C-alpha atoms as a PDB file:
ATOM      1  CA  MET A   1      20.114  11.623 -15.448  1.00  0.00           C
ATOM      2  CA  SER A   2      20.343  15.229 -14.208  1.00  0.00           C
ATOM      3  CA  ALA A   3      22.992  17.906 -14.118  1.00  0.00           C
ATOM      4  CA  ILE A   4      23.198  20.978 -11.914  1.00  0.00           C
ATOM      5  CA  THR A   5      24.507  24.414 -12.812  1.00  0.00           C
ATOM      6  CA  THR A   6      23.868  27.884 -11.379  1.00  0.00           C
ATOM      7  CA  ILE A   7      23.067  31.284 -12.703  1.00  0.00           C
ATOM      8  CA  GLU A   8      22.918  34.491 -10.826  1.00  0.00           C
ATOM      9  CA  THR A   9      19.247  34.072  -9.916  1.00  0.00           C
ATOM     10  CA  PHE A  10      18.368  30.394 -10.111  1.00  0.00           C
ATOM     11  CA  ARG A  11      19.761  26.918  -9.656  1.00  0.00           C
ATOM     12  CA  LEU A  12      19.292  24.976 -12.919  1.00  0.00           C
ATOM     13  CA  ASN A  13      18.670  21.268 -12.785  1.00  0.00           C
ATOM     14  CA  GLN A  14      18.499  19.152 -15.925  1.00  0.00           C
ATOM     15  CA  TYR A  15      15.949  16.386 -16.455  1.00  0.00           C
ATOM     16  CA  ASN A  16      15.597  14.622 -19.853  1.00  0.00           C
ATOM     17  CA  GLY A  17      17.982  17.212 -21.288  1.00  0.00           C
ATOM     18  CA  LYS A  18      15.698  20.123 -20.162  1.00  0.00           C
ATOM     19  CA  ASN A  19      16.617  22.873 -17.649  1.00  0.00           C
ATOM     20  CA  ILE A  20      14.373  23.175 -14.609  1.00  0.00           C
ATOM     21  CA  ARG A  21      14.694  26.338 -12.583  1.00  0.00           C
ATOM     22  CA  ILE A  22      14.675  26.339  -8.767  1.00  0.00           C
ATOM     23  CA  ASP A  23      14.756  29.484  -6.655  1.00  0.00           C
ATOM     24  CA  PRO A  24      17.528  28.734  -4.089  1.00  0.00           C
ATOM     25  CA  HIS A  25      16.147  31.200  -1.527  1.00  0.00           C
ATOM     26  CA  ASN A  26      12.598  29.748  -1.121  1.00  0.00           C
ATOM     27  CA  ARG A  27      13.125  26.449  -3.050  1.00  0.00           C
ATOM     28  CA  TYR A  28      10.140  27.175  -5.313  1.00  0.00           C
ATOM     29  CA  VAL A  29      10.315  25.112  -8.426  1.00  0.00           C
ATOM     30  CA  CYS A  30       9.176  26.102 -11.980  1.00  0.00           C
ATOM     31  CA  LEU A  31       6.298  23.793 -12.856  1.00  0.00           C
ATOM     32  CA  THR A  32       6.407  25.012 -16.400  1.00  0.00           C
ATOM     33  CA  ASP A  33       9.996  23.738 -16.835  1.00  0.00           C
ATOM     34  CA  MET A  34       9.048  20.450 -15.061  1.00  0.00           C
ATOM     35  CA  ALA A  35       6.134  19.960 -17.414  1.00  0.00           C
ATOM     36  CA  VAL A  36       8.259  20.449 -20.549  1.00  0.00           C
ATOM     37  CA  ALA A  37      10.860  17.937 -19.216  1.00  0.00           C
ATOM     38  CA  ALA A  38       8.195  15.353 -18.397  1.00  0.00           C
ATOM     39  CA  GLY A  39       5.905  15.922 -21.418  1.00  0.00           C
ATOM     40  CA  LYS A  40       2.964  16.953 -19.217  1.00  0.00           C
ATOM     41  CA  GLN A  41       0.596  19.901 -18.935  1.00  0.00           C
ATOM     42  CA  VAL A  42       0.574  22.010 -15.733  1.00  0.00           C
ATOM     43  CA  GLY A  43      -3.027  23.088 -16.335  1.00  0.00           C
ATOM     44  CA  HIS A  44      -4.195  19.487 -16.482  1.00  0.00           C
ATOM     45  CA  TRP A  45      -2.712  18.723 -13.108  1.00  0.00           C
ATOM     46  CA  LEU A  46      -4.053  21.926 -11.534  1.00  0.00           C
ATOM     47  CA  SER A  47      -7.562  21.095 -12.718  1.00  0.00           C
ATOM     48  CA  LEU A  48      -7.647  17.768 -10.866  1.00  0.00           C
ATOM     49  CA  GLN A  49      -9.868  17.570  -7.819  1.00  0.00           C
ATOM     50  CA  GLY A  50      -7.112  15.786  -5.903  1.00  0.00           C
ATOM     51  CA  THR A  51      -4.728  18.662  -6.664  1.00  0.00           C
ATOM     52  CA  THR A  52      -7.188  21.196  -5.343  1.00  0.00           C
ATOM     53  CA  ALA A  53      -7.691  19.168  -2.134  1.00  0.00           C
ATOM     54  CA  TYR A  54      -3.911  18.842  -1.673  1.00  0.00           C
ATOM     55  CA  ILE A  55      -3.251  22.512  -2.148  1.00  0.00           C
ATOM     56  CA  GLU A  56      -5.995  23.483   0.196  1.00  0.00           C
ATOM     57  CA  GLY A  57      -4.781  21.037   2.858  1.00  0.00           C
ATOM     58  CA  LEU A  58      -1.177  22.146   2.442  1.00  0.00           C
ATOM     59  CA  SER A  59      -2.182  25.809   2.836  1.00  0.00           C
ATOM     60  CA  SER A  60      -3.989  25.014   6.075  1.00  0.00           C
ATOM     61  CA  VAL A  61      -1.035  23.050   7.542  1.00  0.00           C
ATOM     62  CA  ILE A  62       1.892  25.360   6.659  1.00  0.00           C
ATOM     63  CA  ALA A  63      -0.099  28.596   6.959  1.00  0.00           C
ATOM     64  CA  ILE A  64       0.700  29.884   3.522  1.00  0.00           C
ATOM     65  CA  PRO A  65      -2.173  31.236   1.384  1.00  0.00           C
ATOM     66  CA  ILE A  66      -3.279  29.114  -1.546  1.00  0.00           C
ATOM     67  CA  THR A  67      -2.478  31.993  -3.924  1.00  0.00           C
ATOM     68  CA  GLU A  68       1.145  31.905  -2.778  1.00  0.00           C
ATOM     69  CA  LEU A  69       1.617  28.166  -3.116  1.00  0.00           C
ATOM     70  CA  VAL A  70       1.261  28.161  -6.916  1.00  0.00           C
ATOM     71  CA  ILE A  71       2.246  31.416  -8.638  1.00  0.00           C
ATOM     72  CA  ALA A  72       2.108  32.357 -12.322  1.00  0.00           C
ATOM     73  CA  LYS A  73       4.781  34.910 -13.293  1.00  0.00           C
ATOM     74  CA  GLN A  74       4.807  36.825 -16.573  1.00  0.00           C
ATOM     75  CA  GLY A  75       7.836  38.150 -18.400  1.00  0.00           C
ATOM     76  CA  GLY A  76      11.535  38.175 -17.658  1.00  0.00           C
ATOM     77  CA  VAL A  77      13.725  35.298 -16.392  1.00  0.00           C
ATOM     78  CA  GLU A  78      11.022  34.320 -13.876  1.00  0.00           C
ATOM     79  CA  GLN A  79       8.278  33.696 -16.477  1.00  0.00           C
ATOM     80  CA  GLY A  80       6.328  30.510 -15.823  1.00  0.00           C
ATOM     81  CA  THR A  81       4.250  28.780 -13.133  1.00  0.00           C
ATOM     82  CA  TRP A  82       6.129  28.303  -9.828  1.00  0.00           C
ATOM     83  CA  ALA A  83       5.168  26.140  -6.888  1.00  0.00           C
ATOM     84  CA  HIS A  84       6.092  25.572  -3.247  1.00  0.00           C
ATOM     85  CA  PRO A  85       8.524  22.630  -3.014  1.00  0.00           C
ATOM     86  CA  LYS A  86       5.991  20.302  -1.475  1.00  0.00           C
ATOM     87  CA  ALA A  87       3.563  21.064  -4.300  1.00  0.00           C
ATOM     88  CA  ALA A  88       6.381  20.619  -6.853  1.00  0.00           C
ATOM     89  CA  ILE A  89       7.092  17.230  -5.475  1.00  0.00           C
ATOM     90  CA  LYS A  90       3.410  16.364  -5.704  1.00  0.00           C
ATOM     91  CA  PHE A  91       3.397  17.472  -9.352  1.00  0.00           C
ATOM     92  CA  ALA A  92       6.533  15.427 -10.050  1.00  0.00           C
ATOM     93  CA  ALA A  93       4.843  12.329  -8.480  1.00  0.00           C
ATOM     94  CA  TRP A  94       1.936  12.843 -10.849  1.00  0.00           C
ATOM     95  CA  CYS A  95       4.339  12.844 -13.741  1.00  0.00           C
ATOM     96  CA  SER A  96       6.380   9.774 -12.812  1.00  0.00           C
ATOM     97  CA  VAL A  97       8.019   7.958  -9.849  1.00  0.00           C
ATOM     98  CA  ASP A  98      11.466   8.629 -11.256  1.00  0.00           C
ATOM     99  CA  PHE A  99      10.701  12.373 -11.547  1.00  0.00           C
ATOM    100  CA  GLU A 100       9.364  12.507  -8.037  1.00  0.00           C
ATOM    101  CA  ILE A 101      12.608  10.946  -6.657  1.00  0.00           C
ATOM    102  CA  GLN A 102      14.746  13.347  -8.685  1.00  0.00           C
ATOM    103  CA  VAL A 103      12.911  16.490  -7.633  1.00  0.00           C
ATOM    104  CA  THR A 104      12.878  15.402  -3.966  1.00  0.00           C
ATOM    105  CA  SER A 105      16.615  14.905  -4.198  1.00  0.00           C
ATOM    106  CA  TRP A 106      17.140  18.353  -5.598  1.00  0.00           C
ATOM    107  CA  ILE A 107      15.105  19.987  -2.813  1.00  0.00           C
ATOM    108  CA  ASP A 108      16.730  17.824  -0.070  1.00  0.00           C
ATOM    109  CA  ASP A 109      20.108  18.951  -1.437  1.00  0.00           C
ATOM    110  CA  LEU A 110      19.126  22.592  -1.061  1.00  0.00           C
ATOM    111  CA  LEU A 111      17.901  22.014   2.443  1.00  0.00           C
ATOM    112  CA  GLN A 112      21.240  20.478   3.417  1.00  0.00           C
ATOM    113  CA  SER A 113      23.606  22.725   1.544  1.00  0.00           C
ATOM    114  CA  GLY A 114      21.643  25.984   1.637  1.00  0.00           C
ATOM    115  CA  SER A 115      21.327  28.560  -1.124  1.00  0.00           C
ATOM    116  CA  VAL A 116      23.648  28.273  -4.135  1.00  0.00           C
ATOM    117  CA  HIS A 117      22.944  31.824  -5.277  1.00  0.00           C
ATOM    118  CA  LEU A 118      26.231  33.364  -6.367  1.00  0.00           C
ATOM    119  CA  ASN A 119      25.482  36.533  -4.420  1.00  0.00           C
ATOM    120  CA  GLN A 120      24.923  35.021  -0.938  1.00  0.00           C
ATOM    121  CA  ALA A 121      22.195  36.648   1.119  1.00  0.00           C
ATOM    122  CA  GLU A 122      23.142  38.758   4.085  1.00  0.00           C
ATOM    123  CA  PRO A 123      22.996  37.021   7.481  1.00  0.00           C
ATOM    124  CA  LEU A 124      19.720  37.365   9.281  1.00  0.00           C
ATOM    125  CA  THR A 125      19.488  39.980  12.030  1.00  0.00           C
ATOM    126  CA  GLN A 126      18.424  38.923  15.544  1.00  0.00           C
ATOM    127  CA  MET A 127      14.890  40.420  14.928  1.00  0.00           C
ATOM    128  CA  GLN A 128      14.605  38.448  11.634  1.00  0.00           C
ATOM    129  CA  MET A 129      15.588  35.241  13.351  1.00  0.00           C
ATOM    130  CA  ILE A 130      13.000  35.808  16.087  1.00  0.00           C
ATOM    131  CA  ALA A 131      10.370  36.517  13.451  1.00  0.00           C
ATOM    132  CA  GLN A 132      11.260  33.335  11.579  1.00  0.00           C
ATOM    133  CA  MET A 133      11.101  31.304  14.839  1.00  0.00           C
ATOM    134  CA  ALA A 134       7.673  32.818  15.531  1.00  0.00           C
ATOM    135  CA  LEU A 135       6.434  31.855  12.044  1.00  0.00           C
ATOM    136  CA  GLU A 136       7.787  28.324  12.490  1.00  0.00           C
ATOM    137  CA  MET A 137       6.129  27.902  15.836  1.00  0.00           C
ATOM    138  CA  ASP A 138       2.828  29.133  14.379  1.00  0.00           C
ATOM    139  CA  ARG A 139       3.174  26.681  11.498  1.00  0.00           C
ATOM    140  CA  ARG A 140       3.821  23.804  13.868  1.00  0.00           C
ATOM    141  CA  ASP A 141       0.771  24.820  15.996  1.00  0.00           C
ATOM    142  CA  ARG A 142      -1.424  24.855  12.922  1.00  0.00           C
ATOM    143  CA  GLU A 143      -0.031  21.476  11.866  1.00  0.00           C
ATOM    144  CA  LEU A 144      -0.716  20.011  15.343  1.00  0.00           C
ATOM    145  CA  LYS A 145      -4.223  21.508  15.321  1.00  0.00           C
ATOM    146  CA  PHE A 146      -4.878  19.931  11.897  1.00  0.00           C
ATOM    147  CA  ILE A 147      -3.644  16.443  13.197  1.00  0.00           C
ATOM    148  CA  LYS A 148      -5.889  16.742  16.287  1.00  0.00           C
ATOM    149  CA  GLN A 149      -8.870  17.617  14.109  1.00  0.00           C
ATOM    150  CA  GLN A 150      -8.198  14.489  11.980  1.00  0.00           C
ATOM    151  CA  GLN A 151      -7.884  12.383  15.125  1.00  0.00           C
ATOM    152  CA  ALA A 152     -11.148  13.709  16.432  1.00  0.00           C
ATOM    153  CA  LEU A 153     -12.910  12.936  13.178  1.00  0.00           C
ATOM    154  CA  GLU A 154     -11.475   9.418  13.208  1.00  0.00           C
ATOM    155  CA  ALA A 155     -12.568   8.895  16.794  1.00  0.00           C
ATOM    156  CA  ALA A 156     -16.082   9.997  15.835  1.00  0.00           C
ATOM    157  CA  ARG A 157     -16.121   7.539  12.948  1.00  0.00           C
ATOM    158  CA  ILE A 158     -15.017   4.705  15.194  1.00  0.00           C
ATOM    159  CA  ASP A 159     -17.777   5.585  17.694  1.00  0.00           C
ATOM    160  CA  GLU A 160     -20.340   5.548  14.967  1.00  0.00           C
ATOM    161  CA  LEU A 161     -19.120   2.150  13.728  1.00  0.00           C
ATOM    162  CA  THR A 162     -19.188   0.815  17.263  1.00  0.00           C
ATOM    163  CA  GLN A 163     -22.851   1.916  17.671  1.00  0.00           C
ATOM    164  CA  LEU A 164     -23.782   0.274  14.375  1.00  0.00           C
ATOM    165  CA  THR A 165     -22.020  -2.888  15.476  1.00  0.00           C
ATOM    166  CA  HIS A 166     -24.066  -2.944  18.689  1.00  0.00           C
ATOM    167  CA  GLN A 167     -27.282  -2.541  16.766  1.00  0.00           C
ATOM    168  CA  HIS A 168     -26.204  -5.233  14.372  1.00  0.00           C
ATOM    169  CA  ASP A 169     -25.452  -7.739  17.235  1.00  0.00           C
ATOM    170  CA  GLY A 170     -28.914  -7.109  18.707  1.00  0.00           C
ATOM    171  CA  GLU A 171     -30.677  -7.523  15.394  1.00  0.00           C
ATOM    172  CA  ILE A 172     -28.788 -10.764  14.669  1.00  0.00           C
ATOM    173  CA  ASP A 173     -30.013 -12.211  17.913  1.00  0.00           C
ATOM    174  CA  ARG A 174     -33.625 -11.162  17.134  1.00  0.00           C
ATOM    175  CA  ILE A 175     -33.491 -12.663  13.649  1.00  0.00           C
ATOM    176  CA  PHE A 176     -31.647 -15.969  14.193  1.00  0.00           C
ATOM    177  CA  ASN A 177     -32.758 -17.054  17.658  1.00  0.00           C
ATOM    178  CA  PRO A 178     -35.710 -19.507  17.267  1.00  0.00           C
ATOM    179  CA  ASP A 179     -37.754 -17.935  20.102  1.00  0.00           C
ATOM    180  CA  GLY A 180     -37.082 -14.329  19.240  1.00  0.00           C
ATOM    181  CA  HIS A 181     -36.713 -13.258  22.897  1.00  0.00           C
ATOM    182  CA  TYR A 182     -33.581 -15.296  23.440  1.00  0.00           C
ATOM    183  CA  PHE A 183     -30.243 -13.536  23.392  1.00  0.00           C
ATOM    184  CA  SER A 184     -26.554 -14.332  23.802  1.00  0.00           C
ATOM    185  CA  VAL A 185     -24.960 -12.398  26.601  1.00  0.00           C
ATOM    186  CA  ILE A 186     -22.925 -10.242  24.113  1.00  0.00           C
ATOM    187  CA  GLY A 187     -26.044  -9.648  21.995  1.00  0.00           C
ATOM    188  CA  TYR A 188     -28.113  -8.567  25.012  1.00  0.00           C
ATOM    189  CA  ALA A 189     -25.401  -6.222  26.161  1.00  0.00           C
ATOM    190  CA  SER A 190     -24.996  -4.695  22.723  1.00  0.00           C
ATOM    191  CA  LEU A 191     -28.733  -4.215  22.308  1.00  0.00           C
ATOM    192  CA  HIS A 192     -28.869  -2.283  25.581  1.00  0.00           C
ATOM    193  CA  GLY A 193     -25.684  -0.275  24.857  1.00  0.00           C
ATOM    194  CA  LEU A 194     -23.760  -1.999  27.625  1.00  0.00           C
ATOM    195  CA  LYS A 195     -19.912  -2.547  27.262  1.00  0.00           C
ATOM    196  CA  ILE A 196     -18.920  -6.004  28.394  1.00  0.00           C
ATOM    197  CA  GLY A 197     -15.663  -7.999  27.893  1.00  0.00           C
ATOM    198  CA  ARG A 198     -15.432 -11.487  26.547  1.00  0.00           C
ATOM    199  CA  GLU A 199     -14.383 -13.017  29.954  1.00  0.00           C
ATOM    200  CA  SER A 200     -17.256 -11.177  31.735  1.00  0.00           C
ATOM    201  CA  ALA A 201     -19.703 -12.483  29.144  1.00  0.00           C
ATOM    202  CA  LYS A 202     -18.398 -15.982  29.618  1.00  0.00           C
ATOM    203  CA  ALA A 203     -18.862 -15.775  33.422  1.00  0.00           C
ATOM    204  CA  ILE A 204     -22.393 -14.376  33.067  1.00  0.00           C
ATOM    205  CA  GLY A 205     -23.142 -17.119  30.467  1.00  0.00           C
ATOM    206  CA  SER A 206     -22.150 -19.775  33.022  1.00  0.00           C
ATOM    207  CA  LYS A 207     -24.520 -18.291  35.595  1.00  0.00           C
ATOM    208  CA  CYS A 208     -27.334 -18.139  33.077  1.00  0.00           C
ATOM    209  CA  SER A 209     -26.745 -21.742  32.072  1.00  0.00           C
ATOM    210  CA  ALA A 210     -26.807 -22.963  35.691  1.00  0.00           C
ATOM    211  CA  TYR A 211     -30.022 -20.992  36.341  1.00  0.00           C
ATOM    212  CA  CYS A 212     -31.754 -22.441  33.267  1.00  0.00           C
ATOM    213  CA  ARG A 213     -30.770 -26.041  34.076  1.00  0.00           C
ATOM    214  CA  LYS A 214     -31.959 -25.630  37.650  1.00  0.00           C
ATOM    215  CA  ASN A 215     -35.298 -24.236  36.563  1.00  0.00           C
ATOM    216  CA  GLY A 216     -35.896 -26.387  33.572  1.00  0.00           C
ATOM    217  CA  ILE A 217     -35.531 -23.561  31.044  1.00  0.00           C
ATOM    218  CA  SER A 218     -34.286 -24.510  27.611  1.00  0.00           C
ATOM    219  CA  ILE A 219     -30.999 -23.120  26.431  1.00  0.00           C
ATOM    220  CA  GLU A 220     -30.636 -22.324  22.745  1.00  0.00           C
ATOM    221  CA  LYS A 221     -27.356 -22.437  20.849  1.00  0.00           C
ATOM    222  CA  LEU A 222     -26.234 -19.538  18.652  1.00  0.00           C
ATOM    223  CA  THR A 223     -23.343 -19.468  16.167  1.00  0.00           C
ATOM    224  CA  ASP A 224     -21.323 -16.291  16.527  1.00  0.00           C
ATOM    225  CA  PRO A 225     -18.682 -15.811  13.802  1.00  0.00           C
ATOM    226  CA  ARG A 226     -16.340 -14.262  16.389  1.00  0.00           C
ATOM    227  CA  PHE A 227     -16.709 -16.696  19.280  1.00  0.00           C
ATOM    228  CA  GLY A 228     -18.113 -19.902  17.709  1.00  0.00           C
ATOM    229  CA  THR A 229     -21.122 -21.617  19.348  1.00  0.00           C
ATOM    230  CA  VAL A 230     -22.472 -19.664  22.360  1.00  0.00           C
ATOM    231  CA  GLY A 231     -25.444 -20.087  24.625  1.00  0.00           C
ATOM    232  CA  SER A 232     -28.613 -18.060  24.072  1.00  0.00           C
ATOM    233  CA  TYR A 233     -30.876 -17.409  27.037  1.00  0.00           C
ATOM    234  CA  PRO A 234     -34.214 -15.717  27.802  1.00  0.00           C
ATOM    235  CA  GLU A 235     -33.861 -11.977  28.246  1.00  0.00           C
ATOM    236  CA  SER A 236     -35.304 -12.192  31.728  1.00  0.00           C
ATOM    237  CA  VAL A 237     -32.591 -14.666  32.838  1.00  0.00           C
ATOM    238  CA  ILE A 238     -29.739 -12.497  31.457  1.00  0.00           C
ATOM    239  CA  ALA A 239     -31.161  -9.408  33.059  1.00  0.00           C
ATOM    240  CA  GLN A 240     -30.660 -11.013  36.547  1.00  0.00           C
ATOM    241  CA  TYR A 241     -26.866 -11.226  36.070  1.00  0.00           C
ATOM    242  CA  ILE A 242     -25.877  -8.304  33.840  1.00  0.00           C
END
């Protein structure tokens, strides 16, 4: 259960009977208050490797320095450790699922209803609105760049795995074919770095089979976990049709 009240500076939300301060202007949440309410230690969470990685990644995406995402304030009504709303939700999730849902709800409510400060802020000037729009566009550009970097890394990993698969296919043929120099069509293509579809491989296999029968060349059988039993032909025969 939670209750919400306001004071001149903060919005106060209650969790487990404890007040949790939220700055309505920037939606920063007091982690110190959260830790007391959840029976946790802020320092423990901040020392985790996963927390460091998350804060660094968040800083890169939203273009806010790491030192401004989690801030320790001394003295006065602001005393405590404060965090960006996204980081606060991450801390709440570390505490418990229920707490994560509650904190997310509080922040969503502020996003929808705006500041609940009793002394409402003055409307933004045109120049301030333009500056905010420029900052938002820059943030979105950084986020898009981050996503593209991740996609490029993923594509590189896929290419690496594809190359390893090709090498594996060729080695499987070398190990399990009785005569060593025999290959399935897919195995031969993989060994030589050639891209070939299943239907094309089937057509080439038919030609290789016809050639071997006509010339009295034995055809081996190879069990492929992907395609079942396939023909295995001398390398010189496959090379004529691929």
